[in-house]
C-alpha atoms as a PDB file:
ATOM      1  CA  MET A   1     112.520  54.151  39.474  1.00  0.00           C
ATOM      2  CA  SER A   2     110.328  57.158  40.071  1.00  0.00           C
ATOM      3  CA  THR A   3     108.910  57.124  36.526  1.00  0.00           C
ATOM      4  CA  ILE A   4     108.109  53.404  36.679  1.00  0.00           C
ATOM      5  CA  SER A   5     106.446  53.804  40.071  1.00  0.00           C
ATOM      6  CA  HIS A   6     104.272  56.634  38.795  1.00  0.00           C
ATOM      7  CA  GLU A   7     103.258  54.548  35.759  1.00  0.00           C
ATOM      8  CA  ILE A   8     102.202  51.699  38.073  1.00  0.00           C
ATOM      9  CA  ARG A   9     100.209  54.008  40.348  1.00  0.00           C
ATOM     10  CA  THR A  10      97.832  55.122  37.589  1.00  0.00           C
ATOM     11  CA  PRO A  11      96.206  51.720  36.920  1.00  0.00           C
ATOM     12  CA  LEU A  12      96.303  50.861  40.631  1.00  0.00           C
ATOM     13  CA  ASN A  13      94.326  54.003  41.406  1.00  0.00           C
ATOM     14  CA  ALA A  14      91.784  52.876  38.809  1.00  0.00           C
ATOM     15  CA  VAL A  15      91.532  49.409  40.420  1.00  0.00           C
ATOM     16  CA  THR A  16      91.003  50.771  43.920  1.00  0.00           C
ATOM     17  CA  GLY A  17      88.609  53.441  42.665  1.00  0.00           C
ATOM     18  CA  LEU A  18      86.487  50.884  40.803  1.00  0.00           C
ATOM     19  CA  ALA A  19      86.513  48.573  43.831  1.00  0.00           C
ATOM     20  CA  ASN A  20      85.181  51.472  45.942  1.00  0.00           C
ATOM     21  CA  ILE A  21      82.450  52.132  43.391  1.00  0.00           C
ATOM     22  CA  LEU A  22      81.476  48.447  43.218  1.00  0.00           C
ATOM     23  CA  LEU A  23      81.216  48.297  47.012  1.00  0.00           C
ATOM     24  CA  THR A  24      78.665  51.126  46.965  1.00  0.00           C
ATOM     25  CA  GLU A  25      76.486  49.464  44.319  1.00  0.00           C
ATOM     26  CA  ASP A  26      74.283  46.380  44.427  1.00  0.00           C
ATOM     27  CA  TYR A  27      76.262  43.176  44.250  1.00  0.00           C
ATOM     28  CA  LEU A  28      75.539  39.498  44.752  1.00  0.00           C
ATOM     29  CA  PRO A  29      75.655  38.286  48.379  1.00  0.00           C
ATOM     30  CA  GLY A  30      78.822  36.238  47.865  1.00  0.00           C
ATOM     31  CA  GLN A  31      80.719  39.073  46.193  1.00  0.00           C
ATOM     32  CA  GLU A  32      81.207  41.359  49.184  1.00  0.00           C
ATOM     33  CA  GLU A  33      84.239  39.547  50.595  1.00  0.00           C
ATOM     34  CA  ASP A  34      85.820  39.337  47.136  1.00  0.00           C
ATOM     35  CA  LEU A  35      85.281  43.062  46.550  1.00  0.00           C
ATOM     36  CA  LYS A  36      86.740  43.911  49.948  1.00  0.00           C
ATOM     37  CA  ALA A  37      89.749  41.690  49.220  1.00  0.00           C
ATOM     38  CA  LEU A  38      90.175  43.384  45.825  1.00  0.00           C
ATOM     39  CA  LYS A  39      90.040  46.818  47.443  1.00  0.00           C
ATOM     40  CA  TYR A  40      92.498  45.846  50.169  1.00  0.00           C
ATOM     41  CA  SER A  41      94.889  44.267  47.661  1.00  0.00           C
ATOM     42  CA  GLY A  42      94.807  47.334  45.428  1.00  0.00           C
ATOM     43  CA  ASP A  43      95.337  49.638  48.407  1.00  0.00           C
ATOM     44  CA  HIS A  44      98.186  47.433  49.627  1.00  0.00           C
ATOM     45  CA  LEU A  45      99.920  47.438  46.231  1.00  0.00           C
ATOM     46  CA  LEU A  46      99.469  51.193  45.995  1.00  0.00           C
ATOM     47  CA  GLY A  47     101.042  51.503  49.446  1.00  0.00           C
ATOM     48  CA  LEU A  48     104.031  49.443  48.308  1.00  0.00           C
ATOM     49  CA  VAL A  49     104.517  51.634  45.244  1.00  0.00           C
ATOM     50  CA  ASN A  50     104.240  54.738  47.437  1.00  0.00           C
ATOM     51  CA  ASP A  51     106.843  53.225  49.759  1.00  0.00           C
ATOM     52  CA  LEU A  52     109.203  52.838  46.777  1.00  0.00           C
ATOM     53  CA  LEU A  53     108.675  56.482  45.882  1.00  0.00           C
ATOM     54  CA  ASP A  54     109.284  57.477  49.504  1.00  0.00           C
ATOM     55  CA  PHE A  55     112.471  55.388  49.564  1.00  0.00           C
ATOM     56  CA  ASN A  56     113.701  57.281  46.518  1.00  0.00           C
ATOM     57  CA  ARG A  57     112.875  60.587  48.207  1.00  0.00           C
ATOM     58  CA  ILE A  58     114.704  59.504  51.377  1.00  0.00           C
ATOM     59  CA  ARG A  59     117.788  58.574  49.367  1.00  0.00           C
ATOM     60  CA  SER A  60     117.732  61.941  47.620  1.00  0.00           C
ATOM     61  CA  GLY A  61     117.090  63.848  50.882  1.00  0.00           C
ATOM     62  CA  LYS A  62     113.718  65.208  49.703  1.00  0.00           C
ATOM     63  CA  ILE A  63     111.295  63.889  52.331  1.00  0.00           C
ATOM     64  CA  THR A  64     109.800  64.950  55.625  1.00  0.00           C
ATOM     65  CA  ILE A  65     108.218  62.455  58.007  1.00  0.00           C
ATOM     66  CA  LEU A  66     104.744  63.155  59.380  1.00  0.00           C
ATOM     67  CA  GLU A  67     102.807  61.387  62.122  1.00  0.00           C
ATOM     68  CA  LYS A  68      99.345  60.272  61.077  1.00  0.00           C
ATOM     69  CA  GLU A  69      96.567  58.810  63.170  1.00  0.00           C
ATOM     70  CA  PHE A  70      94.773  55.725  61.905  1.00  0.00           C
ATOM     71  CA  ASN A  71      91.997  53.394  63.000  1.00  0.00           C
ATOM     72  CA  LEU A  72      93.657  50.199  64.217  1.00  0.00           C
ATOM     73  CA  ASN A  73      90.387  48.216  64.292  1.00  0.00           C
ATOM     74  CA  SER A  74      89.630  49.124  60.680  1.00  0.00           C
ATOM     75  CA  PHE A  75      93.174  48.192  59.649  1.00  0.00           C
ATOM     76  CA  LEU A  76      92.935  44.807  61.376  1.00  0.00           C
ATOM     77  CA  GLU A  77      89.513  44.133  59.820  1.00  0.00           C
ATOM     78  CA  ASP A  78      90.985  44.881  56.385  1.00  0.00           C
ATOM     79  CA  LEU A  79      93.833  42.458  57.057  1.00  0.00           C
ATOM     80  CA  GLN A  80      91.401  39.782  58.166  1.00  0.00           C
ATOM     81  CA  THR A  81      89.249  40.307  55.068  1.00  0.00           C
ATOM     82  CA  TYR A  82      92.267  39.988  52.804  1.00  0.00           C
ATOM     83  CA  PHE A  83      93.791  36.927  54.440  1.00  0.00           C
ATOM     84  CA  SER A  84      90.500  35.131  55.160  1.00  0.00           C
ATOM     85  CA  VAL A  85      90.020  34.502  51.423  1.00  0.00           C
ATOM     86  CA  GLU A  86      93.359  32.685  51.282  1.00  0.00           C
ATOM     87  CA  ALA A  87      92.666  30.884  54.559  1.00  0.00           C
ATOM     88  CA  GLU A  88      89.326  29.584  53.277  1.00  0.00           C
ATOM     89  CA  LYS A  89      91.003  28.239  50.139  1.00  0.00           C
ATOM     90  CA  LYS A  90      93.303  26.226  52.401  1.00  0.00           C
ATOM     91  CA  VAL A  91      90.436  25.201  54.701  1.00  0.00           C
ATOM     92  CA  LEU A  92      91.959  27.167  57.582  1.00  0.00           C
ATOM     93  CA  SER A  93      90.342  29.384  60.188  1.00  0.00           C
ATOM     94  CA  LEU A  94      91.588  32.929  60.652  1.00  0.00           C
ATOM     95  CA  SER A  95      90.869  34.863  63.809  1.00  0.00           C
END
């Protein structure tokens, strides 16, 4: 499980890294939401893979838990960006 997870992380890091680069460059006006959704999706998938690795560490007794502060507003904005694309496809409003 650990080997597979590490193999998945490598291309996911490339996806999120390229999304970050694209967001700093010039892009067409309609591409910003798509780029943000791509970045969020890549980050989310990377988080899931990291969770699998953490689960393996927990099972083997090789993990310590740390508290970490985060920006709730930024997190909620990222969620809205990600889900608004799907909502628009279904002609729904997300707030």
